[in-house]
């Protein structure tokens, strides 16, 4: 999804952009990153590879397909870890001094914990690469450009 906004401030490789909230804001995949959705304006932190300045009117791209893929990965891995942990806990219950249901619950906890650690590391890396909205074009330069 592409949207227009005005750069309010910049810091390093990121910019704070104000966008008008429309009806589409309810279904926007960047809703978790947007501040002030209840007003008529939304504030997004976006990647700023074009080095836009304060006051610039910019076009931002919100990578909805990347969000969908990330959600499928997240829930798929958690489901697999839950089932695998439960199965392994049940299989190893004769070796453990626990009942099969207790060892299955223990296996689920370990499976989810390990999956959570792996997913956390992966999402920290891919969030910086592809999940952040990004400025793709400067439509109108503001007064700060010399």
Protein backbone atom coordinates (compact mmCIF):
# COMPACT_ATOMS: atom_id res chain seq x y z
CA UNK A 1 0.00 0.00 0.00
CA UNK A 2 1.31 3.44 -0.88
CA UNK A 3 0.40 6.63 0.93
CA UNK A 4 1.43 10.29 0.96
CA UNK A 5 2.68 12.04 4.05
CA UNK A 6 4.62 14.99 5.36
CA UNK A 7 7.98 14.53 7.08
CA UNK A 8 7.83 15.96 10.60
CA UNK A 9 11.34 15.07 11.73
CA UNK A 10 14.34 12.96 10.77
CA UNK A 11 16.85 11.00 12.82
CA UNK A 12 19.62 8.86 11.33
CA UNK A 13 18.05 6.63 8.64
CA UNK A 14 14.47 7.11 9.87
CA UNK A 15 11.85 9.82 9.53
CA UNK A 16 8.63 10.55 11.40
CA UNK A 17 5.90 11.01 8.77
CA UNK A 18 2.37 12.31 9.28
CA UNK A 19 -0.25 10.65 7.09
CA UNK A 20 -3.98 11.33 6.83
CA UNK A 21 -6.02 8.51 8.38
CA UNK A 22 -8.66 7.28 5.97
CA UNK A 23 -11.16 4.44 6.10
CA UNK A 24 -8.36 2.16 4.87
CA UNK A 25 -6.46 2.79 8.11
CA UNK A 26 -8.63 0.22 9.87
CA UNK A 27 -7.30 -2.54 7.61
CA UNK A 28 -3.74 -1.22 7.21
CA UNK A 29 -0.99 -3.68 8.08
CA UNK A 30 1.15 -0.88 9.56
CA UNK A 31 -1.47 -0.17 12.21
CA UNK A 32 0.84 -1.54 14.91
CA UNK A 33 3.52 0.97 13.94
CA UNK A 34 1.16 3.95 13.65
CA UNK A 35 0.71 6.43 16.48
CA UNK A 36 -2.39 8.60 16.78
CA UNK A 37 -4.79 6.47 14.75
CA UNK A 38 -7.75 7.69 16.76
CA UNK A 39 -7.23 11.21 15.40
CA UNK A 40 -7.54 12.18 11.77
CA UNK A 41 -3.78 11.86 11.42
CA UNK A 42 -1.36 8.99 11.86
CA UNK A 43 2.32 9.20 12.71
CA UNK A 44 4.62 6.56 11.27
CA UNK A 45 8.32 5.93 11.76
CA UNK A 46 9.61 5.05 8.30
CA UNK A 47 12.94 4.22 6.70
CA UNK A 48 14.38 7.26 4.96
CA UNK A 49 16.79 6.04 2.24
CA UNK A 50 16.22 9.19 0.13
CA UNK A 51 17.22 11.48 3.02
CA UNK A 52 13.99 13.48 2.96
CA UNK A 53 13.99 16.60 5.13
CA UNK A 54 11.43 18.10 7.49
CA UNK A 55 8.50 19.52 5.56
CA UNK A 56 8.91 17.33 2.47
CA UNK A 57 5.81 15.71 0.98
CA UNK A 58 6.76 12.08 0.43
CA UNK A 59 5.34 8.85 -0.91
CA UNK A 60 5.71 5.91 1.48
CA UNK A 61 5.31 2.24 0.75
CA UNK A 62 3.83 -0.02 3.41
CA UNK A 63 4.91 -3.60 2.59
CA UNK A 64 1.67 -5.49 3.26
CA UNK A 65 2.79 -8.70 1.55
CA UNK A 66 5.82 -8.87 3.87
CA UNK A 67 3.52 -8.56 6.91
CA UNK A 68 1.37 -11.44 5.65
CA UNK A 69 4.40 -13.67 5.11
CA UNK A 70 5.75 -12.78 8.55
CA UNK A 71 2.44 -13.67 10.22
CA UNK A 72 2.25 -17.00 8.40
CA UNK A 73 5.82 -17.77 9.50
CA UNK A 74 5.11 -16.76 13.10
CA UNK A 75 1.96 -18.81 13.56
CA UNK A 76 3.21 -21.74 11.51
CA UNK A 77 6.40 -22.09 13.55
CA UNK A 78 4.53 -21.73 16.85
CA UNK A 79 1.98 -24.38 15.83
CA UNK A 80 4.72 -26.77 14.71
CA UNK A 81 6.72 -26.16 17.93
CA UNK A 82 3.64 -26.80 20.07
CA UNK A 83 2.80 -30.08 18.34
CA UNK A 84 6.43 -31.26 18.16
CA UNK A 85 7.03 -30.40 21.83
CA UNK A 86 3.89 -32.23 22.89
CA UNK A 87 4.82 -35.27 20.81
CA UNK A 88 8.42 -35.39 22.05
CA UNK A 89 7.27 -34.96 25.64
CA UNK A 90 4.92 -37.90 25.24
CA UNK A 91 7.57 -40.06 23.55
CA UNK A 92 10.14 -39.37 26.29
CA UNK A 93 7.66 -39.75 29.17
CA UNK A 94 8.88 -43.30 30.05
CA UNK A 95 12.36 -41.90 30.61
CA UNK A 96 11.19 -38.95 32.72
CA UNK A 97 9.84 -39.30 36.26
CA UNK A 98 6.57 -37.66 35.12
CA UNK A 99 3.28 -38.87 33.74
CA UNK A 100 2.79 -38.72 29.99
CA UNK A 101 0.46 -35.71 30.25
CA UNK A 102 2.91 -33.81 32.48
CA UNK A 103 5.85 -34.53 30.18
CA UNK A 104 3.74 -33.49 27.17
CA UNK A 105 2.98 -30.16 28.84
CA UNK A 106 6.67 -29.76 29.66
CA UNK A 107 7.53 -30.54 26.02
CA UNK A 108 5.03 -27.92 24.80
CA UNK A 109 6.61 -25.31 27.10
CA UNK A 110 10.12 -26.12 25.87
CA UNK A 111 8.99 -26.17 22.24
CA UNK A 112 7.30 -22.79 22.49
CA UNK A 113 10.25 -21.30 24.39
CA UNK A 114 12.77 -22.47 21.78
CA UNK A 115 10.54 -21.31 18.93
CA UNK A 116 10.08 -17.94 20.65
CA UNK A 117 13.82 -17.43 20.96
CA UNK A 118 14.40 -18.35 17.31
CA UNK A 119 11.52 -16.20 16.06
CA UNK A 120 12.63 -13.25 18.16
CA UNK A 121 16.09 -13.32 16.59
CA UNK A 122 14.68 -13.72 13.09
CA UNK A 123 12.13 -10.92 13.43
CA UNK A 124 14.69 -8.49 14.82
CA UNK A 125 16.72 -9.07 11.66
CA UNK A 126 13.92 -9.05 9.07
CA UNK A 127 12.08 -6.15 10.74
CA UNK A 128 14.99 -3.89 9.86
CA UNK A 129 15.23 -5.34 6.35
CA UNK A 130 11.70 -5.53 5.04
CA UNK A 131 8.86 -4.91 7.51
CA UNK A 132 9.29 -1.17 8.02
CA UNK A 133 7.43 1.29 5.79
CA UNK A 134 9.85 3.18 3.55
CA UNK A 135 9.98 6.51 1.73
CA UNK A 136 10.04 5.69 -1.98
CA UNK A 137 9.74 9.16 -3.51
CA UNK A 138 9.98 12.84 -2.54
CA UNK A 139 6.96 14.49 -4.16
CA UNK A 140 7.51 18.08 -3.04
CA UNK A 141 10.56 19.43 -1.23
CA UNK A 142 9.90 21.55 1.84
CA UNK A 143 11.61 24.76 2.93
CA UNK A 144 14.67 23.13 4.54
CA UNK A 145 16.35 22.21 1.25
CA UNK A 146 18.93 24.83 0.26
